[in-house]
Amino acid sequence: MVKIITDTLSDIPSQLAQELGVTVVPLNVHFGNDIYRDGVDLSTDEFYQKLTTGEAFPITSAPVPGVFIETFTKLAEETDEILAIMPSHKFGAMYESALRAKAMMKTGCHIEVIDSLLAVGGEMLVVIKAAKAARTGANLEQISDMVKKTIPRIHTRMVFDTLEYLRQGGRIGKAQAFLGSLLKVNAILGVKNGEVVPIARARNRAHAVDFLVNFVKGFPKIESLVIEHATTPDELEILAERLREIFPKEQMYRSKVGAVVGAHVGPHVLAVSVLEEEIT
């Protein structure tokens, strides 16, 4: 069976990854001189606690190729086909690190590394679809082809209430368009062509959440959906209730925006990612 690898930037819950047989490679989170493996040495809850208690501002980094080599080598003992689905190369060095590791492998195992051009819930939806296909017996070529056709049908929107973390982290990017005299702004960002882009500004949090609901309503048919929060589970459940008329609540995936993205958007992020149904 094809083994699927992803990373913690995909925000796939550990229990779901385990159920689907997905191997998750952690990114690194740095608080001053302390380095933590995301989701291994530092849970998401612990990360946000550190983020909001005034400790050193966090930075993040990709694992070195050696980490991928170790992962590939271990899985090659169980299979001869591995598919690594990585976040957009514009979000960091994960994709490049995995490619370098693949080039250094001395094994007959067939390894493919795909740049999903996504992150967070969008990347998660691709990984879930790939893992389910692997469990049905699809081979590497079939799953790879399916993944590449799925990526353009995935859409992510994310709302948060301050640009301060983006500013401090130096990752303001195209969201610079939202910067004026105020950092307190209900910004709405999306992921397009592998990078974060500004979508809109809402007058307040309620209007920002309305935007997410209307965004989901705009799709005629939805194959799968993931909703995410960081530190506001009650708000996530309210969003789920509002979306249940559009997509079955019990079929929604729920997750938390992890440390790598949380370091740049802060603790009050709320996100939705949609896999629109393929038009035949």
Protein backbone atom coordinates (compact mmCIF):
# COMPACT_ATOMS: atom_id res chain seq x y z
CA MET A 1 0.00 0.00 0.00
CA VAL A 2 1.18 3.53 -0.78
CA LYS A 3 2.35 5.36 2.34
CA ILE A 4 1.33 9.00 2.65
CA ILE A 5 3.52 11.61 4.36
CA THR A 6 2.56 15.16 5.26
CA ASP A 7 3.69 17.77 7.78
CA THR A 8 2.28 19.64 10.75
CA LEU A 9 1.48 22.66 8.59
CA SER A 10 -1.43 20.59 7.24
CA ASP A 11 -3.07 20.72 10.69
CA ILE A 12 -4.29 17.14 10.36
CA PRO A 13 -5.34 15.95 13.85
CA SER A 14 -3.04 13.24 15.19
CA GLN A 15 -5.89 10.79 15.78
CA LEU A 16 -7.15 11.19 12.21
CA ALA A 17 -3.63 10.80 10.82
CA GLN A 18 -3.22 7.61 12.82
CA GLU A 19 -6.56 6.22 11.62
CA LEU A 20 -5.63 6.91 7.99
CA GLY A 21 -2.04 5.67 8.32
CA VAL A 22 -0.58 9.09 7.52
CA THR A 23 2.93 9.92 8.72
CA VAL A 24 3.27 13.53 9.91
CA VAL A 25 6.68 15.22 9.88
CA PRO A 26 6.88 18.07 12.41
CA LEU A 27 8.17 21.54 11.70
CA ASN A 28 10.20 23.34 14.34
CA VAL A 29 9.06 26.17 16.60
CA HIS A 30 11.67 28.41 18.23
CA PHE A 31 11.03 30.46 21.38
CA GLY A 32 14.33 32.20 22.03
CA ASN A 33 16.96 29.48 22.37
CA ASP A 34 14.40 26.74 22.91
CA ILE A 35 13.48 24.61 19.90
CA TYR A 36 10.37 22.43 19.87
CA ARG A 37 9.09 19.95 17.34
CA ASP A 38 5.57 21.08 16.48
CA GLY A 39 3.04 18.64 17.91
CA VAL A 40 5.75 16.45 19.46
CA ASP A 41 7.56 18.53 22.07
CA LEU A 42 4.95 21.27 22.05
CA SER A 43 1.20 20.84 21.71
CA THR A 44 -0.95 23.40 19.93
CA ASP A 45 -2.51 24.49 23.22
CA GLU A 46 0.92 24.89 24.82
CA PHE A 47 2.09 26.92 21.85
CA TYR A 48 -0.76 29.44 22.09
CA GLN A 49 -0.22 29.73 25.83
CA LYS A 50 3.42 30.64 25.20
CA LEU A 51 2.43 32.99 22.38
CA THR A 52 0.03 34.97 24.55
CA THR A 53 2.02 35.14 27.81
CA GLY A 54 4.62 37.57 26.53
CA GLU A 55 7.50 35.17 26.09
CA ALA A 56 9.96 35.51 23.20
CA PHE A 57 8.29 35.95 19.84
CA PRO A 58 8.32 32.57 18.03
CA ILE A 59 9.95 31.77 14.73
CA THR A 60 9.51 28.58 12.75
CA SER A 61 11.73 26.42 10.57
CA ALA A 62 11.52 23.34 8.37
CA PRO A 63 13.15 20.06 9.41
CA VAL A 64 16.48 19.27 7.77
CA PRO A 65 16.57 16.67 4.96
CA GLY A 66 17.93 14.12 7.43
CA VAL A 67 14.54 14.02 9.16
CA PHE A 68 12.87 13.14 5.87
CA ILE A 69 15.56 10.58 5.07
CA GLU A 70 14.85 8.88 8.39
CA THR A 71 11.10 8.92 7.68
CA PHE A 72 11.50 7.65 4.10
CA THR A 73 13.87 4.89 5.22
CA LYS A 74 11.50 3.65 7.91
CA LEU A 75 8.50 3.58 5.59
CA ALA A 76 10.52 1.92 2.81
CA GLU A 77 10.68 -1.14 5.06
CA GLU A 78 6.89 -1.40 4.77
CA THR A 79 6.21 -0.35 1.18
CA ASP A 80 7.80 0.34 -2.19
CA GLU A 81 5.71 3.45 -2.88
CA ILE A 82 5.70 6.68 -0.85
CA LEU A 83 3.90 9.95 -1.56
CA ALA A 84 4.91 13.07 0.38
CA ILE A 85 2.37 15.90 0.16
CA MET A 86 4.03 19.13 1.25
CA PRO A 87 2.86 22.71 1.83
CA SER A 88 3.47 25.39 -0.75
CA HIS A 89 7.15 26.07 -1.38
CA LYS A 90 6.32 29.75 -0.83
CA PHE A 91 5.54 29.02 2.84
CA GLY A 92 8.97 27.69 3.73
CA ALA A 93 11.54 25.00 3.02
CA MET A 94 9.47 21.85 3.69
CA TYR A 95 9.05 20.97 0.03
CA GLU A 96 12.71 21.62 -0.80
CA SER A 97 13.89 19.65 2.23
CA ALA A 98 11.78 16.64 1.22
CA LEU A 99 13.07 16.84 -2.37
CA ARG A 100 16.68 16.93 -1.19
CA ALA A 101 16.04 13.92 1.03
CA LYS A 102 14.51 12.00 -1.86
CA ALA A 103 17.60 12.70 -4.00
CA MET A 104 19.83 11.30 -1.26
CA MET A 105 17.87 8.09 -0.74
CA LYS A 106 19.58 4.81 -1.67
CA THR A 107 16.60 2.52 -1.95
CA GLY A 108 14.43 0.89 -4.56
CA CYS A 109 11.36 2.49 -3.03
CA HIS A 110 9.57 4.83 -5.42
CA ILE A 111 9.16 8.21 -3.72
CA GLU A 112 7.23 11.19 -5.06
CA VAL A 113 7.12 14.64 -3.47
CA ILE A 114 4.26 16.97 -4.40
CA ASP A 115 4.04 20.70 -3.74
CA SER A 116 0.37 21.06 -2.78
CA LEU A 117 0.50 24.88 -3.13
CA LEU A 118 -1.63 24.80 0.02
CA ALA A 119 -1.38 24.77 3.80
CA VAL A 120 -3.58 24.32 6.88
CA GLY A 121 -7.00 22.76 6.19
CA GLY A 122 -6.59 22.90 2.43
CA GLU A 123 -3.50 20.73 2.57
CA MET A 124 -5.27 18.47 5.05
CA LEU A 125 -8.13 17.80 2.62
CA VAL A 126 -5.67 16.69 -0.07
CA VAL A 127 -3.87 14.41 2.38
CA ILE A 128 -7.13 12.82 3.56
CA LYS A 129 -8.25 12.16 0.01
CA ALA A 130 -4.87 10.62 -0.87
CA ALA A 131 -4.82 8.43 2.23
CA LYS A 132 -8.32 7.13 1.57
CA ALA A 133 -7.35 6.29 -2.01
CA ALA A 134 -4.29 4.42 -0.74
CA ARG A 135 -6.47 2.35 1.56
CA THR A 136 -8.60 1.27 -1.40
CA GLY A 137 -5.51 -0.06 -3.17
CA ALA A 138 -4.75 2.77 -5.60
CA ASN A 139 -1.10 2.87 -6.69
CA LEU A 140 1.32 5.79 -6.49
CA GLU A 141 0.73 6.97 -10.05
CA GLN A 142 -3.05 6.93 -9.60
CA ILE A 143 -2.95 8.78 -6.29
CA SER A 144 -0.44 11.34 -7.54
CA ASP A 145 -2.59 12.08 -10.58
CA MET A 146 -5.68 12.41 -8.38
CA VAL A 147 -3.89 14.77 -5.98
CA LYS A 148 -2.74 17.05 -8.78
CA LYS A 149 -6.31 17.24 -10.12
CA THR A 150 -7.71 17.89 -6.64
CA ILE A 151 -5.44 20.78 -5.63
CA PRO A 152 -7.09 23.41 -7.90
CA ARG A 153 -10.50 22.58 -6.37
CA ILE A 154 -9.45 23.49 -2.84
CA HIS A 155 -10.12 26.94 -1.42
CA THR A 156 -9.16 28.40 1.97
CA ARG A 157 -10.27 31.50 3.81
CA MET A 158 -8.95 32.64 7.16
CA VAL A 159 -9.99 35.47 9.46
CA PHE A 160 -8.13 36.98 12.41
CA ASP A 161 -8.28 40.13 14.44
CA THR A 162 -4.82 41.68 14.32
CA LEU A 163 -1.91 42.10 11.93
CA GLU A 164 0.53 42.46 14.81
CA TYR A 165 1.85 38.90 14.59
CA LEU A 166 2.36 39.13 10.83
CA ARG A 167 4.20 42.40 11.34
CA GLN A 168 6.43 41.06 14.11
CA GLY A 169 7.24 37.93 12.16
CA GLY A 170 8.12 39.87 9.04
CA ARG A 171 5.66 37.82 7.00
CA ILE A 172 3.16 40.54 6.21
CA GLY A 173 3.63 39.92 2.47
CA LYS A 174 0.70 40.96 0.32
CA ALA A 175 -1.33 41.60 3.46
CA GLN A 176 0.70 44.82 3.60
CA ALA A 177 -2.25 46.25 1.70
CA PHE A 178 -4.23 46.04 4.95
CA LEU A 179 -1.73 47.99 6.99
CA GLY A 180 -2.60 51.54 7.76
CA SER A 181 -2.49 53.31 11.05
CA LEU A 182 -4.27 50.40 12.73
CA LEU A 183 -3.06 46.87 13.40
CA LYS A 184 -6.39 45.87 14.92
CA VAL A 185 -8.30 44.85 11.82
CA ASN A 186 -10.51 41.89 10.99
CA ALA A 187 -8.51 40.75 8.02
CA ILE A 188 -9.61 37.97 5.69
CA LEU A 189 -6.86 36.13 3.83
CA GLY A 190 -6.89 33.36 1.28
CA VAL A 191 -4.42 30.97 -0.32
CA LYS A 192 -4.04 31.37 -4.08
CA ASN A 193 -1.33 30.01 -6.35
CA GLY A 194 0.61 28.83 -3.34
CA GLU A 195 0.76 32.09 -1.41
CA VAL A 196 -1.27 34.02 1.12
CA VAL A 197 -3.23 36.88 -0.42
CA PRO A 198 -5.48 39.58 1.07
CA ILE A 199 -9.17 39.06 0.34
CA ALA A 200 -11.14 41.59 2.36
CA ARG A 201 -11.46 43.52 5.61
CA ALA A 202 -14.51 43.20 7.82
CA ARG A 203 -15.86 45.91 10.09
CA ASN A 204 -15.92 43.59 13.09
CA ARG A 205 -15.57 39.96 14.08
CA ALA A 206 -19.23 39.16 13.42
CA HIS A 207 -18.96 40.41 9.85
CA ALA A 208 -15.76 38.43 9.38
CA VAL A 209 -17.52 35.22 10.41
CA ASP A 210 -20.42 36.14 8.11
CA PHE A 211 -17.87 36.32 5.32
CA LEU A 212 -16.76 32.74 6.01
CA VAL A 213 -20.35 31.50 5.98
CA ASN A 214 -21.13 33.27 2.71
CA PHE A 215 -17.88 31.99 1.23
CA VAL A 216 -18.95 28.40 1.85
CA LYS A 217 -22.48 29.13 0.59
CA GLY A 218 -20.96 30.24 -2.71
CA PHE A 219 -20.09 26.67 -3.74
CA PRO A 220 -22.86 24.78 -5.57
CA LYS A 221 -21.54 21.40 -4.38
CA ILE A 222 -18.97 20.56 -1.72
CA GLU A 223 -17.08 17.28 -1.52
CA SER A 224 -15.45 17.89 1.86
CA LEU A 225 -14.97 20.69 4.34
CA VAL A 226 -12.70 21.48 7.27
CA ILE A 227 -13.21 24.20 9.86
CA GLU A 228 -10.44 25.35 12.19
CA HIS A 229 -9.85 27.54 15.21
CA ALA A 230 -6.91 28.22 17.51
CA THR A 231 -8.24 29.15 20.95
CA THR A 232 -11.99 29.67 20.39
CA PRO A 233 -13.74 26.25 20.31
CA ASP A 234 -17.14 27.76 21.12
CA GLU A 235 -16.85 30.05 18.13
CA LEU A 236 -16.00 27.04 15.97
CA GLU A 237 -19.15 25.22 17.07
CA ILE A 238 -21.27 28.26 16.28
CA LEU A 239 -19.71 28.32 12.81
CA ALA A 240 -20.44 24.61 12.40
CA GLU A 241 -24.09 25.21 13.31
CA ARG A 242 -24.37 27.98 10.74
CA LEU A 243 -22.82 25.79 8.06
CA ARG A 244 -24.90 22.68 8.74
CA GLU A 245 -27.56 23.76 6.26
CA ILE A 246 -24.88 23.86 3.57
CA PHE A 247 -22.85 20.79 4.51
CA PRO A 248 -23.65 17.99 7.00
CA LYS A 249 -22.23 18.94 10.39
CA GLU A 250 -21.23 15.37 11.22
CA GLN A 251 -19.12 15.19 8.05
CA MET A 252 -17.14 18.36 8.73
CA TYR A 253 -13.53 17.88 9.73
CA ARG A 254 -12.48 19.97 12.71
CA SER A 255 -8.96 20.99 13.58
CA LYS A 256 -6.78 23.63 15.19
CA VAL A 257 -4.58 26.06 13.28
CA GLY A 258 -1.15 24.91 14.35
CA ALA A 259 1.90 26.66 15.67
CA VAL A 260 3.55 27.52 12.36
CA VAL A 261 0.61 29.52 11.04
CA GLY A 262 -0.45 30.62 14.52
CA ALA A 263 2.90 32.32 14.98
CA HIS A 264 1.96 34.69 12.16
CA VAL A 265 -1.77 35.22 12.65
CA GLY A 266 -2.24 35.00 16.40
CA PRO A 267 -4.61 33.12 18.70
CA HIS A 268 -7.97 34.31 17.36
CA VAL A 269 -7.79 32.80 13.91
CA LEU A 270 -10.80 31.05 12.38
CA ALA A 271 -10.57 29.26 9.04
CA VAL A 272 -12.51 27.19 6.53
CA SER A 273 -11.20 25.12 3.66
CA VAL A 274 -13.48 23.71 0.97
CA LEU A 275 -12.95 20.96 -1.55
CA GLU A 276 -15.50 21.73 -4.22
CA GLU A 277 -17.06 18.76 -5.96
CA GLU A 278 -15.62 17.98 -9.36
CA ILE A 279 -17.83 18.95 -12.27
CA THR A 280 -18.35 16.01 -14.61
